[in-house]
């Protein structure tokens, strides 16, 4: 198992891509604490996967947009676990709209949850990883953060910011054995994309060379690779999982 004995924290782990990351980590032997506003409907499935691999899974309710609250929660999780090997900053939202009509509150909410929360979580966890001289941080970016997208200026800015954060922290923490990477999914079949109008869904598909949406499980496998020792010399990188959408 690629992650046997490792301990991980995943934000936004209750559903969608986050849930699949939790499941894949558990199958590969990692014990996972996932943070979300509400428990996962897949909790029983997660516990079954944990039991099968000899790992453990726990849910902690937390709001990543609350700086004091998320900082205290992370410190508590790390104190109870003793150490943390992997952090996945996956929590994110969309609030789409044309930039000249977008209320500043809509802009700030997306930046706060998608980008500032990753900064806060990385700040707390990286301190511990640096002291233990090992660790892997993975930020969930997006191809929209690479190429932009009409009607998603706030989302694109937050994901582009995540890429900049990834590369900066990779340079700061690399000498202490901490790797930091980003994954940039393209058009993935999730609740978020299913809520798009059919015309928008088809427009996305025309940009995908493989002519199908990706699955959360396909994204999760890439995250597992980056979290594992198989990626021991990969840091500061952005891996696209987009079916050749962004080129």
C-alpha atoms as a PDB file:
ATOM      1  CA  UNK A   1       0.000   0.000   0.000  1.00  0.00           C
ATOM      2  CA  UNK A   2       1.400   3.361  -1.107  1.00  0.00           C
ATOM      3  CA  UNK A   3       0.484   5.285   2.060  1.00  0.00           C
ATOM      4  CA  UNK A   4       0.734   2.587   4.722  1.00  0.00           C
ATOM      5  CA  UNK A   5       1.160   4.113   8.173  1.00  0.00           C
ATOM      6  CA  UNK A   6       0.868   7.733   7.041  1.00  0.00           C
ATOM      7  CA  UNK A   7      -1.491  10.276   8.612  1.00  0.00           C
ATOM      8  CA  UNK A   8      -3.435  12.734   6.459  1.00  0.00           C
ATOM      9  CA  UNK A   9      -5.752  15.715   6.733  1.00  0.00           C
ATOM     10  CA  UNK A  10      -8.163  16.464   3.869  1.00  0.00           C
ATOM     11  CA  UNK A  11     -10.293  19.611   3.817  1.00  0.00           C
ATOM     12  CA  UNK A  12     -13.626  19.459   2.000  1.00  0.00           C
ATOM     13  CA  UNK A  13     -13.512  15.673   2.277  1.00  0.00           C
ATOM     14  CA  UNK A  14     -17.198  14.866   2.672  1.00  0.00           C
ATOM     15  CA  UNK A  15     -18.193  14.666  -0.983  1.00  0.00           C
ATOM     16  CA  UNK A  16     -17.057  14.943  -4.600  1.00  0.00           C
ATOM     17  CA  UNK A  17     -13.337  14.873  -5.309  1.00  0.00           C
ATOM     18  CA  UNK A  18     -12.544  15.273  -1.617  1.00  0.00           C
ATOM     19  CA  UNK A  19     -14.484  12.134  -0.705  1.00  0.00           C
ATOM     20  CA  UNK A  20     -12.671  10.136  -3.383  1.00  0.00           C
ATOM     21  CA  UNK A  21      -9.316  11.377  -2.080  1.00  0.00           C
ATOM     22  CA  UNK A  22     -10.253  10.201   1.414  1.00  0.00           C
ATOM     23  CA  UNK A  23     -11.351   6.818   0.058  1.00  0.00           C
ATOM     24  CA  UNK A  24      -8.192   6.333  -2.003  1.00  0.00           C
ATOM     25  CA  UNK A  25      -5.946   7.306   0.898  1.00  0.00           C
ATOM     26  CA  UNK A  26      -7.732   4.810   3.145  1.00  0.00           C
ATOM     27  CA  UNK A  27      -7.405   2.006   0.595  1.00  0.00           C
ATOM     28  CA  UNK A  28      -3.681   2.759   0.405  1.00  0.00           C
ATOM     29  CA  UNK A  29      -3.283   2.475   4.168  1.00  0.00           C
ATOM     30  CA  UNK A  30      -3.316   6.085   5.367  1.00  0.00           C
ATOM     31  CA  UNK A  31      -5.300   7.163   8.410  1.00  0.00           C
ATOM     32  CA  UNK A  32      -7.368  10.206   7.441  1.00  0.00           C
ATOM     33  CA  UNK A  33      -9.052  13.042   9.264  1.00  0.00           C
ATOM     34  CA  UNK A  34     -11.332  14.943   6.924  1.00  0.00           C
ATOM     35  CA  UNK A  35     -12.725  18.386   7.656  1.00  0.00           C
ATOM     36  CA  UNK A  36     -16.016  19.670   6.286  1.00  0.00           C
ATOM     37  CA  UNK A  37     -19.084  21.591   7.369  1.00  0.00           C
ATOM     38  CA  UNK A  38     -21.163  18.396   7.511  1.00  0.00           C
ATOM     39  CA  UNK A  39     -20.468  14.642   7.747  1.00  0.00           C
ATOM     40  CA  UNK A  40     -20.174  12.546   4.611  1.00  0.00           C
ATOM     41  CA  UNK A  41     -22.963  10.336   3.309  1.00  0.00           C
ATOM     42  CA  UNK A  42     -20.169   7.852   2.577  1.00  0.00           C
ATOM     43  CA  UNK A  43     -19.009   7.547   6.197  1.00  0.00           C
ATOM     44  CA  UNK A  44     -19.878   3.846   6.398  1.00  0.00           C
ATOM     45  CA  UNK A  45     -18.027   3.183   3.145  1.00  0.00           C
ATOM     46  CA  UNK A  46     -15.012   5.098   4.460  1.00  0.00           C
ATOM     47  CA  UNK A  47     -14.968   3.095   7.692  1.00  0.00           C
ATOM     48  CA  UNK A  48     -15.168  -0.150   5.741  1.00  0.00           C
ATOM     49  CA  UNK A  49     -12.164   0.888   3.617  1.00  0.00           C
ATOM     50  CA  UNK A  50     -10.251   1.899   6.750  1.00  0.00           C
ATOM     51  CA  UNK A  51     -10.939  -1.432   8.455  1.00  0.00           C
ATOM     52  CA  UNK A  52      -9.830  -3.348   5.371  1.00  0.00           C
ATOM     53  CA  UNK A  53      -6.447  -1.597   5.267  1.00  0.00           C
ATOM     54  CA  UNK A  54      -5.799  -1.345   8.982  1.00  0.00           C
ATOM     55  CA  UNK A  55      -6.146   2.441   8.927  1.00  0.00           C
ATOM     56  CA  UNK A  56      -8.575   4.846  10.600  1.00  0.00           C
ATOM     57  CA  UNK A  57     -10.914   7.616   9.457  1.00  0.00           C
ATOM     58  CA  UNK A  58     -12.503  10.448  11.415  1.00  0.00           C
ATOM     59  CA  UNK A  59     -14.665  13.452  10.590  1.00  0.00           C
ATOM     60  CA  UNK A  60     -14.187  16.856  12.195  1.00  0.00           C
ATOM     61  CA  UNK A  61     -16.707  19.613  11.606  1.00  0.00           C
ATOM     62  CA  UNK A  62     -14.944  22.819  10.670  1.00  0.00           C
ATOM     63  CA  UNK A  63     -15.313  25.992   8.630  1.00  0.00           C
ATOM     64  CA  UNK A  64     -12.148  26.719   6.641  1.00  0.00           C
ATOM     65  CA  UNK A  65     -13.251  30.333   6.190  1.00  0.00           C
ATOM     66  CA  UNK A  66     -12.930  30.929   9.955  1.00  0.00           C
ATOM     67  CA  UNK A  67      -9.210  31.650  10.563  1.00  0.00           C
ATOM     68  CA  UNK A  68      -9.213  31.229  14.340  1.00  0.00           C
ATOM     69  CA  UNK A  69     -11.494  28.195  14.245  1.00  0.00           C
ATOM     70  CA  UNK A  70      -9.624  26.262  11.552  1.00  0.00           C
ATOM     71  CA  UNK A  71      -6.249  27.044  13.098  1.00  0.00           C
ATOM     72  CA  UNK A  72      -7.357  25.734  16.488  1.00  0.00           C
ATOM     73  CA  UNK A  73      -8.933  22.642  14.912  1.00  0.00           C
ATOM     74  CA  UNK A  74      -5.794  21.762  12.959  1.00  0.00           C
ATOM     75  CA  UNK A  75      -3.588  22.178  16.013  1.00  0.00           C
ATOM     76  CA  UNK A  76      -5.920  19.876  17.929  1.00  0.00           C
ATOM     77  CA  UNK A  77      -5.889  17.225  15.185  1.00  0.00           C
ATOM     78  CA  UNK A  78      -2.091  17.296  14.976  1.00  0.00           C
ATOM     79  CA  UNK A  79      -1.730  17.146  18.763  1.00  0.00           C
ATOM     80  CA  UNK A  80      -3.997  14.088  18.919  1.00  0.00           C
ATOM     81  CA  UNK A  81      -2.318  12.381  15.931  1.00  0.00           C
ATOM     82  CA  UNK A  82       1.229  13.126  17.089  1.00  0.00           C
ATOM     83  CA  UNK A  83       2.346  13.895  13.538  1.00  0.00           C
ATOM     84  CA  UNK A  84       0.922  14.634  10.084  1.00  0.00           C
ATOM     85  CA  UNK A  85       2.421  13.385   6.834  1.00  0.00           C
ATOM     86  CA  UNK A  86      -0.071  14.703   4.262  1.00  0.00           C
ATOM     87  CA  UNK A  87      -2.293  17.770   3.902  1.00  0.00           C
ATOM     88  CA  UNK A  88      -4.749  18.127   1.034  1.00  0.00           C
ATOM     89  CA  UNK A  89      -6.293  21.583   0.651  1.00  0.00           C
ATOM     90  CA  UNK A  90      -9.400  20.600  -1.271  1.00  0.00           C
ATOM     91  CA  UNK A  91     -12.182  22.799   0.165  1.00  0.00           C
ATOM     92  CA  UNK A  92     -13.636  25.096  -2.463  1.00  0.00           C
ATOM     93  CA  UNK A  93     -16.762  26.768  -3.822  1.00  0.00           C
ATOM     94  CA  UNK A  94     -17.929  28.592  -6.938  1.00  0.00           C
ATOM     95  CA  UNK A  95     -20.001  31.766  -7.164  1.00  0.00           C
ATOM     96  CA  UNK A  96     -20.047  32.449 -10.897  1.00  0.00           C
ATOM     97  CA  UNK A  97     -20.907  35.705 -12.594  1.00  0.00           C
ATOM     98  CA  UNK A  98     -19.582  38.243 -15.062  1.00  0.00           C
ATOM     99  CA  UNK A  99     -16.895  40.388 -13.503  1.00  0.00           C
ATOM    100  CA  UNK A 100     -18.611  43.735 -14.176  1.00  0.00           C
ATOM    101  CA  UNK A 101     -21.720  42.497 -12.326  1.00  0.00           C
ATOM    102  CA  UNK A 102     -20.011  40.603  -9.515  1.00  0.00           C
ATOM    103  CA  UNK A 103     -20.613  41.934  -5.980  1.00  0.00           C
ATOM    104  CA  UNK A 104     -17.413  42.305  -3.986  1.00  0.00           C
ATOM    105  CA  UNK A 105     -18.871  39.949  -1.356  1.00  0.00           C
ATOM    106  CA  UNK A 106     -19.112  37.221  -4.008  1.00  0.00           C
ATOM    107  CA  UNK A 107     -15.485  37.811  -5.003  1.00  0.00           C
ATOM    108  CA  UNK A 108     -14.229  37.792  -1.418  1.00  0.00           C
ATOM    109  CA  UNK A 109     -16.138  34.664  -0.351  1.00  0.00           C
ATOM    110  CA  UNK A 110     -14.595  32.555  -3.140  1.00  0.00           C
ATOM    111  CA  UNK A 111     -11.094  33.886  -2.447  1.00  0.00           C
ATOM    112  CA  UNK A 112     -11.506  33.304   1.281  1.00  0.00           C
ATOM    113  CA  UNK A 113     -12.620  29.677   1.005  1.00  0.00           C
ATOM    114  CA  UNK A 114     -10.577  28.598  -2.010  1.00  0.00           C
ATOM    115  CA  UNK A 115      -7.295  30.427  -1.404  1.00  0.00           C
ATOM    116  CA  UNK A 116      -7.004  31.976   2.051  1.00  0.00           C
ATOM    117  CA  UNK A 117      -8.040  28.717   3.723  1.00  0.00           C
ATOM    118  CA  UNK A 118      -5.237  26.870   1.900  1.00  0.00           C
ATOM    119  CA  UNK A 119      -2.768  29.497   3.141  1.00  0.00           C
ATOM    120  CA  UNK A 120      -4.008  29.115   6.731  1.00  0.00           C
ATOM    121  CA  UNK A 121      -3.994  25.307   6.688  1.00  0.00           C
ATOM    122  CA  UNK A 122      -0.569  25.176   5.039  1.00  0.00           C
ATOM    123  CA  UNK A 123       0.810  27.670   7.554  1.00  0.00           C
ATOM    124  CA  UNK A 124      -0.243  25.525  10.517  1.00  0.00           C
ATOM    125  CA  UNK A 125       0.616  22.107   9.090  1.00  0.00           C
ATOM    126  CA  UNK A 126       3.881  23.137   7.405  1.00  0.00           C
ATOM    127  CA  UNK A 127       5.301  24.238  10.766  1.00  0.00           C
ATOM    128  CA  UNK A 128       4.900  20.685  12.063  1.00  0.00           C
ATOM    129  CA  UNK A 129       6.142  19.101   8.844  1.00  0.00           C
ATOM    130  CA  UNK A 130       9.256  21.284   8.876  1.00  0.00           C
ATOM    131  CA  UNK A 131      10.051  20.221  12.437  1.00  0.00           C
ATOM    132  CA  UNK A 132       9.665  16.545  11.549  1.00  0.00           C
ATOM    133  CA  UNK A 133      11.565  17.152   8.274  1.00  0.00           C
ATOM    134  CA  UNK A 134       9.063  15.398   6.054  1.00  0.00           C
ATOM    135  CA  UNK A 135       5.613  15.903   4.579  1.00  0.00           C
ATOM    136  CA  UNK A 136       3.543  16.414   1.460  1.00  0.00           C
ATOM    137  CA  UNK A 137       1.055  19.239   0.858  1.00  0.00           C
ATOM    138  CA  UNK A 138      -1.270  19.039  -2.148  1.00  0.00           C
ATOM    139  CA  UNK A 139      -3.432  21.968  -3.227  1.00  0.00           C
ATOM    140  CA  UNK A 140      -6.456  21.414  -5.456  1.00  0.00           C
ATOM    141  CA  UNK A 141      -6.177  24.017  -8.199  1.00  0.00           C
ATOM    142  CA  UNK A 142      -7.998  23.929 -11.562  1.00  0.00           C
ATOM    143  CA  UNK A 143      -7.332  24.310 -15.262  1.00  0.00           C
ATOM    144  CA  UNK A 144      -9.427  27.486 -14.922  1.00  0.00           C
ATOM    145  CA  UNK A 145      -6.580  28.848 -12.808  1.00  0.00           C
ATOM    146  CA  UNK A 146      -4.246  28.241 -15.742  1.00  0.00           C
ATOM    147  CA  UNK A 147      -6.321  29.468 -18.665  1.00  0.00           C
ATOM    148  CA  UNK A 148      -9.109  31.529 -17.084  1.00  0.00           C
ATOM    149  CA  UNK A 149     -12.800  31.214 -17.888  1.00  0.00           C
ATOM    150  CA  UNK A 150     -15.510  33.729 -18.702  1.00  0.00           C
ATOM    151  CA  UNK A 151     -17.926  34.138 -15.822  1.00  0.00           C
ATOM    152  CA  UNK A 152     -15.481  32.719 -13.277  1.00  0.00           C
ATOM    153  CA  UNK A 153     -13.064  35.553 -12.554  1.00  0.00           C
ATOM    154  CA  UNK A 154     -13.226  34.957  -8.798  1.00  0.00           C
ATOM    155  CA  UNK A 155     -12.801  31.180  -9.099  1.00  0.00           C
ATOM    156  CA  UNK A 156      -9.997  31.502 -11.662  1.00  0.00           C
ATOM    157  CA  UNK A 157      -8.179  34.053  -9.513  1.00  0.00           C
ATOM    158  CA  UNK A 158      -8.429  31.815  -6.454  1.00  0.00           C
ATOM    159  CA  UNK A 159      -7.073  28.793  -8.322  1.00  0.00           C
ATOM    160  CA  UNK A 160      -4.289  30.769  -9.992  1.00  0.00           C
ATOM    161  CA  UNK A 161      -3.410  32.044  -6.533  1.00  0.00           C
ATOM    162  CA  UNK A 162      -3.218  28.454  -5.298  1.00  0.00           C
ATOM    163  CA  UNK A 163      -0.641  27.697  -7.966  1.00  0.00           C
ATOM    164  CA  UNK A 164       1.457  30.654  -6.857  1.00  0.00           C
ATOM    165  CA  UNK A 165       1.061  29.608  -3.216  1.00  0.00           C
ATOM    166  CA  UNK A 166       2.101  26.055  -4.099  1.00  0.00           C
ATOM    167  CA  UNK A 167       5.314  27.082  -5.786  1.00  0.00           C
ATOM    168  CA  UNK A 168       6.249  29.620  -3.121  1.00  0.00           C
ATOM    169  CA  UNK A 169       5.758  27.238  -0.183  1.00  0.00           C
ATOM    170  CA  UNK A 170       7.599  24.505  -2.118  1.00  0.00           C
ATOM    171  CA  UNK A 171      10.626  26.801  -2.316  1.00  0.00           C
ATOM    172  CA  UNK A 172      10.375  27.800   1.343  1.00  0.00           C
ATOM    173  CA  UNK A 173       9.920  24.307   2.805  1.00  0.00           C
ATOM    174  CA  UNK A 174      11.843  22.090   0.396  1.00  0.00           C
ATOM    175  CA  UNK A 175      15.126  22.223   2.300  1.00  0.00           C
ATOM    176  CA  UNK A 176      13.335  20.632   5.277  1.00  0.00           C
ATOM    177  CA  UNK A 177      11.987  17.694   3.283  1.00  0.00           C
ATOM    178  CA  UNK A 178       8.493  19.090   2.720  1.00  0.00           C
ATOM    179  CA  UNK A 179       7.074  18.728  -0.797  1.00  0.00           C
ATOM    180  CA  UNK A 180       4.277  20.977  -2.072  1.00  0.00           C
ATOM    181  CA  UNK A 181       2.379  20.350  -5.305  1.00  0.00           C
ATOM    182  CA  UNK A 182      -0.915  21.207  -6.961  1.00  0.00           C
ATOM    183  CA  UNK A 183      -3.405  19.200  -8.978  1.00  0.00           C
ATOM    184  CA  UNK A 184      -5.406  21.026 -11.653  1.00  0.00           C
ATOM    185  CA  UNK A 185      -8.548  19.078 -12.586  1.00  0.00           C
ATOM    186  CA  UNK A 186     -10.427  19.914 -15.741  1.00  0.00           C
ATOM    187  CA  UNK A 187     -14.054  19.034 -16.420  1.00  0.00           C
ATOM    188  CA  UNK A 188     -14.816  16.439 -13.718  1.00  0.00           C
ATOM    189  CA  UNK A 189     -18.199  14.786 -13.176  1.00  0.00           C
ATOM    190  CA  UNK A 190     -19.213  16.140  -9.742  1.00  0.00           C
ATOM    191  CA  UNK A 191     -22.290  17.719  -8.176  1.00  0.00           C
ATOM    192  CA  UNK A 192     -20.738  21.098  -8.959  1.00  0.00           C
ATOM    193  CA  UNK A 193     -20.455  20.441 -12.703  1.00  0.00           C
ATOM    194  CA  UNK A 194     -23.796  18.617 -12.898  1.00  0.00           C
ATOM    195  CA  UNK A 195     -25.436  21.829 -11.716  1.00  0.00           C
ATOM    196  CA  UNK A 196     -24.188  23.637 -14.831  1.00  0.00           C
ATOM    197  CA  UNK A 197     -26.642  24.301 -17.691  1.00  0.00           C
ATOM    198  CA  UNK A 198     -26.474  21.640 -20.403  1.00  0.00           C
ATOM    199  CA  UNK A 199     -25.136  24.188 -22.901  1.00  0.00           C
ATOM    200  CA  UNK A 200     -22.223  24.977 -20.595  1.00  0.00           C
ATOM    201  CA  UNK A 201     -21.523  21.278 -20.024  1.00  0.00           C
ATOM    202  CA  UNK A 202     -21.356  20.629 -23.751  1.00  0.00           C
ATOM    203  CA  UNK A 203     -19.112  23.656 -24.269  1.00  0.00           C
ATOM    204  CA  UNK A 204     -16.641  22.224 -21.763  1.00  0.00           C
ATOM    205  CA  UNK A 205     -16.723  18.808 -23.417  1.00  0.00           C
ATOM    206  CA  UNK A 206     -15.812  20.250 -26.808  1.00  0.00           C
ATOM    207  CA  UNK A 207     -12.533  21.454 -25.247  1.00  0.00           C
ATOM    208  CA  UNK A 208     -11.637  17.985 -23.908  1.00  0.00           C
ATOM    209  CA  UNK A 209      -9.653  15.851 -26.334  1.00  0.00           C
ATOM    210  CA  UNK A 210     -10.823  12.649 -24.646  1.00  0.00           C
ATOM    211  CA  UNK A 211     -14.436  13.780 -25.234  1.00  0.00           C
ATOM    212  CA  UNK A 212     -15.691  12.785 -21.787  1.00  0.00           C
ATOM    213  CA  UNK A 213     -15.655  14.243 -18.288  1.00  0.00           C
ATOM    214  CA  UNK A 214     -13.133  12.905 -15.828  1.00  0.00           C
ATOM    215  CA  UNK A 215     -14.157  11.143 -12.631  1.00  0.00           C
ATOM    216  CA  UNK A 216     -13.306  12.123  -9.056  1.00  0.00           C
ATOM    217  CA  UNK A 217     -11.520   8.778  -8.695  1.00  0.00           C
ATOM    218  CA  UNK A 218      -9.189   9.670 -11.576  1.00  0.00           C
ATOM    219  CA  UNK A 219      -8.240  12.890  -9.803  1.00  0.00           C
ATOM    220  CA  UNK A 220      -7.803  11.095  -6.492  1.00  0.00           C
ATOM    221  CA  UNK A 221      -5.259   8.671  -7.945  1.00  0.00           C
ATOM    222  CA  UNK A 222      -3.023  11.569  -8.959  1.00  0.00           C
ATOM    223  CA  UNK A 223      -3.320  13.080  -5.484  1.00  0.00           C
ATOM    224  CA  UNK A 224      -2.346   9.724  -3.957  1.00  0.00           C
ATOM    225  CA  UNK A 225       0.705   9.575  -6.208  1.00  0.00           C
ATOM    226  CA  UNK A 226       1.837  13.043  -5.083  1.00  0.00           C
ATOM    227  CA  UNK A 227       1.238  12.140  -1.435  1.00  0.00           C
ATOM    228  CA  UNK A 228       3.271   8.951  -1.708  1.00  0.00           C
ATOM    229  CA  UNK A 229       6.999   8.282  -1.716  1.00  0.00           C
ATOM    230  CA  UNK A 230       6.695   7.499  -5.432  1.00  0.00           C
ATOM    231  CA  UNK A 231       6.720  11.285  -5.909  1.00  0.00           C
ATOM    232  CA  UNK A 232       9.674  11.839  -3.569  1.00  0.00           C
ATOM    233  CA  UNK A 233      11.422  14.152  -6.073  1.00  0.00           C
ATOM    234  CA  UNK A 234       8.326  16.006  -7.277  1.00  0.00           C
ATOM    235  CA  UNK A 235       7.749  19.417  -5.712  1.00  0.00           C
ATOM    236  CA  UNK A 236       6.512  22.807  -6.867  1.00  0.00           C
ATOM    237  CA  UNK A 237       4.687  21.173  -9.761  1.00  0.00           C
ATOM    238  CA  UNK A 238       1.141  21.451 -11.116  1.00  0.00           C
ATOM    239  CA  UNK A 239      -0.272  18.216 -12.546  1.00  0.00           C
ATOM    240  CA  UNK A 240      -3.239  18.650 -14.862  1.00  0.00           C
ATOM    241  CA  UNK A 241      -5.947  15.976 -14.800  1.00  0.00           C
ATOM    242  CA  UNK A 242      -8.019  17.323 -17.661  1.00  0.00           C
ATOM    243  CA  UNK A 243      -8.129  14.950 -20.630  1.00  0.00           C
ATOM    244  CA  UNK A 244      -6.007  17.391 -22.642  1.00  0.00           C
ATOM    245  CA  UNK A 245      -8.332  20.324 -22.047  1.00  0.00           C
ATOM    246  CA  UNK A 246      -5.894  23.102 -21.146  1.00  0.00           C
ATOM    247  CA  UNK A 247      -3.553  22.936 -24.158  1.00  0.00           C
END
